[in-house]
Amino acid sequence: MRRDRFSAPLTDAEREFAAAHHYLIAKYLRKRRLPIDDWYDIVAFRYCRSVKRWFAIPALHKHSFEIIAFYAMRSAIGHEYEKRKRRIKTVSLEDKIPGADHLRYGDIATEDHRFYR
């Protein structure tokens, strides 16, 4: 795995800054209407990375830190949604097949289709 300068542990100054602005995580999740319990871990790591970037790239200071953090957390959520789309979805044989006029998966399962070829 590639490590860059933004994935190193936070310095003391960065930790203090992150703690002082920690409320932004909950503010952002509330704004997006996402449950904190489900999304906190996903956005928290990107939030910490935005703190590292804030300290490392002074040009970012022309924007508020809130904007920088919100963009970072939005990116984390977008990547999570993309990752979830790629996951294999479990279906029941009782589920209706989308766009198949109320046909169920169980209706097409036969002894011949028992093994994937």
C-alpha atoms as a PDB file:
ATOM      1  CA  MET A   1       0.000   0.000   0.000  1.00  0.00           C
ATOM      2  CA  ARG A   2       1.305   3.425  -0.932  1.00  0.00           C
ATOM      3  CA  ARG A   3       1.726   5.873   1.923  1.00  0.00           C
ATOM      4  CA  ASP A   4       1.848   9.564   1.285  1.00  0.00           C
ATOM      5  CA  ARG A   5       2.493  12.529   3.496  1.00  0.00           C
ATOM      6  CA  PHE A   6      -1.204  12.859   4.294  1.00  0.00           C
ATOM      7  CA  SER A   7      -1.555   9.385   5.772  1.00  0.00           C
ATOM      8  CA  ALA A   8       1.034   9.873   8.534  1.00  0.00           C
ATOM      9  CA  PRO A   9      -0.202  10.230  12.129  1.00  0.00           C
ATOM     10  CA  LEU A  10      -1.340  13.697  13.147  1.00  0.00           C
ATOM     11  CA  THR A  11       1.174  15.939  14.885  1.00  0.00           C
ATOM     12  CA  ASP A  12       0.299  17.516  18.238  1.00  0.00           C
ATOM     13  CA  ALA A  13      -0.728  20.774  16.556  1.00  0.00           C
ATOM     14  CA  GLU A  14      -2.824  18.904  13.983  1.00  0.00           C
ATOM     15  CA  ARG A  15      -4.460  16.837  16.743  1.00  0.00           C
ATOM     16  CA  GLU A  16      -5.434  19.990  18.647  1.00  0.00           C
ATOM     17  CA  PHE A  17      -6.811  21.565  15.477  1.00  0.00           C
ATOM     18  CA  ALA A  18      -8.736  18.397  14.607  1.00  0.00           C
ATOM     19  CA  ALA A  19     -10.215  18.226  18.104  1.00  0.00           C
ATOM     20  CA  ALA A  20     -11.251  21.890  17.995  1.00  0.00           C
ATOM     21  CA  HIS A  21     -13.083  21.345  14.705  1.00  0.00           C
ATOM     22  CA  HIS A  22     -14.369  17.834  15.387  1.00  0.00           C
ATOM     23  CA  TYR A  23     -17.959  19.111  15.513  1.00  0.00           C
ATOM     24  CA  LEU A  24     -17.756  19.484  11.712  1.00  0.00           C
ATOM     25  CA  ILE A  25     -18.088  15.721  11.279  1.00  0.00           C
ATOM     26  CA  ALA A  26     -21.495  15.600  12.985  1.00  0.00           C
ATOM     27  CA  LYS A  27     -22.541  18.857  11.287  1.00  0.00           C
ATOM     28  CA  TYR A  28     -21.746  17.433   7.869  1.00  0.00           C
ATOM     29  CA  LEU A  29     -23.495  14.110   8.496  1.00  0.00           C
ATOM     30  CA  ARG A  30     -26.591  15.914   9.811  1.00  0.00           C
ATOM     31  CA  LYS A  31     -26.582  18.167   6.754  1.00  0.00           C
ATOM     32  CA  ARG A  32     -26.470  15.090   4.480  1.00  0.00           C
ATOM     33  CA  ARG A  33     -29.087  13.327   6.669  1.00  0.00           C
ATOM     34  CA  LEU A  34     -26.793  10.364   7.201  1.00  0.00           C
ATOM     35  CA  PRO A  35     -26.829   8.422  10.493  1.00  0.00           C
ATOM     36  CA  ILE A  36     -23.727   9.249  12.510  1.00  0.00           C
ATOM     37  CA  ASP A  37     -23.371   5.677  13.803  1.00  0.00           C
ATOM     38  CA  ASP A  38     -23.213   4.281  10.258  1.00  0.00           C
ATOM     39  CA  TRP A  39     -21.065   6.940   8.578  1.00  0.00           C
ATOM     40  CA  TYR A  40     -18.747   8.330  11.258  1.00  0.00           C
ATOM     41  CA  ASP A  41     -15.831   5.951  10.586  1.00  0.00           C
ATOM     42  CA  ILE A  42     -16.075   6.493   6.848  1.00  0.00           C
ATOM     43  CA  VAL A  43     -15.815  10.283   7.034  1.00  0.00           C
ATOM     44  CA  ALA A  44     -13.558  10.557  10.109  1.00  0.00           C
ATOM     45  CA  PHE A  45     -10.488   9.233   8.324  1.00  0.00           C
ATOM     46  CA  ARG A  46     -10.996  11.647   5.439  1.00  0.00           C
ATOM     47  CA  TYR A  47     -11.558  14.450   7.958  1.00  0.00           C
ATOM     48  CA  CYS A  48      -8.164  13.704   9.549  1.00  0.00           C
ATOM     49  CA  ARG A  49      -6.590  13.712   6.109  1.00  0.00           C
ATOM     50  CA  SER A  50      -8.108  17.140   5.453  1.00  0.00           C
ATOM     51  CA  VAL A  51      -6.467  18.381   8.672  1.00  0.00           C
ATOM     52  CA  LYS A  52      -3.091  17.105   7.413  1.00  0.00           C
ATOM     53  CA  ARG A  53      -3.671  18.843   4.066  1.00  0.00           C
ATOM     54  CA  TRP A  54      -4.706  22.087   5.812  1.00  0.00           C
ATOM     55  CA  PHE A  55      -1.368  22.213   7.618  1.00  0.00           C
ATOM     56  CA  ALA A  56       0.707  21.085   4.636  1.00  0.00           C
ATOM     57  CA  ILE A  57      -0.801  23.272   1.910  1.00  0.00           C
ATOM     58  CA  PRO A  58      -1.082  26.932   2.984  1.00  0.00           C
ATOM     59  CA  ALA A  59      -2.851  27.822  -0.278  1.00  0.00           C
ATOM     60  CA  LEU A  60      -5.933  26.055   1.107  1.00  0.00           C
ATOM     61  CA  HIS A  61      -6.257  28.821   3.706  1.00  0.00           C
ATOM     62  CA  LYS A  62      -7.964  31.066   1.169  1.00  0.00           C
ATOM     63  CA  HIS A  63     -11.011  28.847   1.886  1.00  0.00           C
ATOM     64  CA  SER A  64     -12.513  28.084   5.276  1.00  0.00           C
ATOM     65  CA  PHE A  65     -11.455  24.819   6.860  1.00  0.00           C
ATOM     66  CA  GLU A  66     -15.123  23.822   7.002  1.00  0.00           C
ATOM     67  CA  ILE A  67     -15.299  23.898   3.193  1.00  0.00           C
ATOM     68  CA  ILE A  68     -12.101  21.831   2.891  1.00  0.00           C
ATOM     69  CA  ALA A  69     -13.364  19.271   5.415  1.00  0.00           C
ATOM     70  CA  PHE A  70     -16.821  19.085   3.819  1.00  0.00           C
ATOM     71  CA  TYR A  71     -15.350  18.440   0.370  1.00  0.00           C
ATOM     72  CA  ALA A  72     -13.141  15.706   1.836  1.00  0.00           C
ATOM     73  CA  MET A  73     -16.042  14.037   3.631  1.00  0.00           C
ATOM     74  CA  ARG A  74     -18.219  14.277   0.507  1.00  0.00           C
ATOM     75  CA  SER A  75     -15.488  12.482  -1.393  1.00  0.00           C
ATOM     76  CA  ALA A  76     -15.332   9.731   1.245  1.00  0.00           C
ATOM     77  CA  ILE A  77     -19.082   9.200   1.024  1.00  0.00           C
ATOM     78  CA  GLY A  78     -18.979   9.098  -2.762  1.00  0.00           C
ATOM     79  CA  HIS A  79     -16.231   6.489  -2.708  1.00  0.00           C
ATOM     80  CA  GLU A  80     -18.188   4.427  -0.178  1.00  0.00           C
ATOM     81  CA  TYR A  81     -21.309   4.482  -2.370  1.00  0.00           C
ATOM     82  CA  GLU A  82     -19.208   3.381  -5.364  1.00  0.00           C
ATOM     83  CA  LYS A  83     -17.705   0.562  -3.306  1.00  0.00           C
ATOM     84  CA  ARG A  84     -21.157  -0.568  -2.185  1.00  0.00           C
ATOM     85  CA  LYS A  85     -22.394  -0.654  -5.792  1.00  0.00           C
ATOM     86  CA  ARG A  86     -19.624  -3.122  -6.668  1.00  0.00           C
ATOM     87  CA  ARG A  87     -20.550  -5.561  -3.889  1.00  0.00           C
ATOM     88  CA  ILE A  88     -22.351  -8.754  -4.710  1.00  0.00           C
ATOM     89  CA  LYS A  89     -26.011  -8.426  -3.787  1.00  0.00           C
ATOM     90  CA  THR A  90     -27.806 -11.285  -2.085  1.00  0.00           C
ATOM     91  CA  VAL A  91     -31.299 -12.001  -3.357  1.00  0.00           C
ATOM     92  CA  SER A  92     -34.009 -14.351  -2.222  1.00  0.00           C
ATOM     93  CA  LEU A  93     -35.699 -16.808  -4.550  1.00  0.00           C
ATOM     94  CA  GLU A  94     -38.918 -15.082  -3.449  1.00  0.00           C
ATOM     95  CA  ASP A  95     -37.718 -11.657  -4.734  1.00  0.00           C
ATOM     96  CA  LYS A  96     -39.295 -10.326  -7.900  1.00  0.00           C
ATOM     97  CA  ILE A  97     -36.984  -9.902 -10.867  1.00  0.00           C
ATOM     98  CA  PRO A  98     -36.884  -6.191 -11.757  1.00  0.00           C
ATOM     99  CA  GLY A  99     -38.620  -5.468 -15.064  1.00  0.00           C
ATOM    100  CA  ALA A 100     -39.885  -9.058 -15.481  1.00  0.00           C
ATOM    101  CA  ASP A 101     -43.647  -8.683 -14.860  1.00  0.00           C
ATOM    102  CA  HIS A 102     -43.765 -10.093 -11.315  1.00  0.00           C
ATOM    103  CA  LEU A 103     -41.594 -13.095 -12.201  1.00  0.00           C
ATOM    104  CA  ARG A 104     -39.628 -14.333  -9.158  1.00  0.00           C
ATOM    105  CA  TYR A 105     -36.079 -15.692  -9.149  1.00  0.00           C
ATOM    106  CA  GLY A 106     -37.488 -18.987  -7.846  1.00  0.00           C
ATOM    107  CA  ASP A 107     -39.665 -19.239 -10.945  1.00  0.00           C
ATOM    108  CA  ILE A 108     -36.614 -19.577 -13.179  1.00  0.00           C
ATOM    109  CA  ALA A 109     -34.521 -21.783 -10.893  1.00  0.00           C
ATOM    110  CA  THR A 110     -34.567 -25.310 -12.267  1.00  0.00           C
ATOM    111  CA  GLU A 111     -32.555 -28.453 -11.695  1.00  0.00           C
ATOM    112  CA  ASP A 112     -30.596 -27.628 -14.876  1.00  0.00           C
ATOM    113  CA  HIS A 113     -29.527 -24.266 -13.408  1.00  0.00           C
ATOM    114  CA  ARG A 114     -28.328 -25.731 -10.108  1.00  0.00           C
ATOM    115  CA  PHE A 115     -24.632 -25.282 -10.978  1.00  0.00           C
ATOM    116  CA  TYR A 116     -23.039 -22.171 -12.358  1.00  0.00           C
ATOM    117  CA  ARG A 117     -21.249 -22.840 -15.639  1.00  0.00           C
END
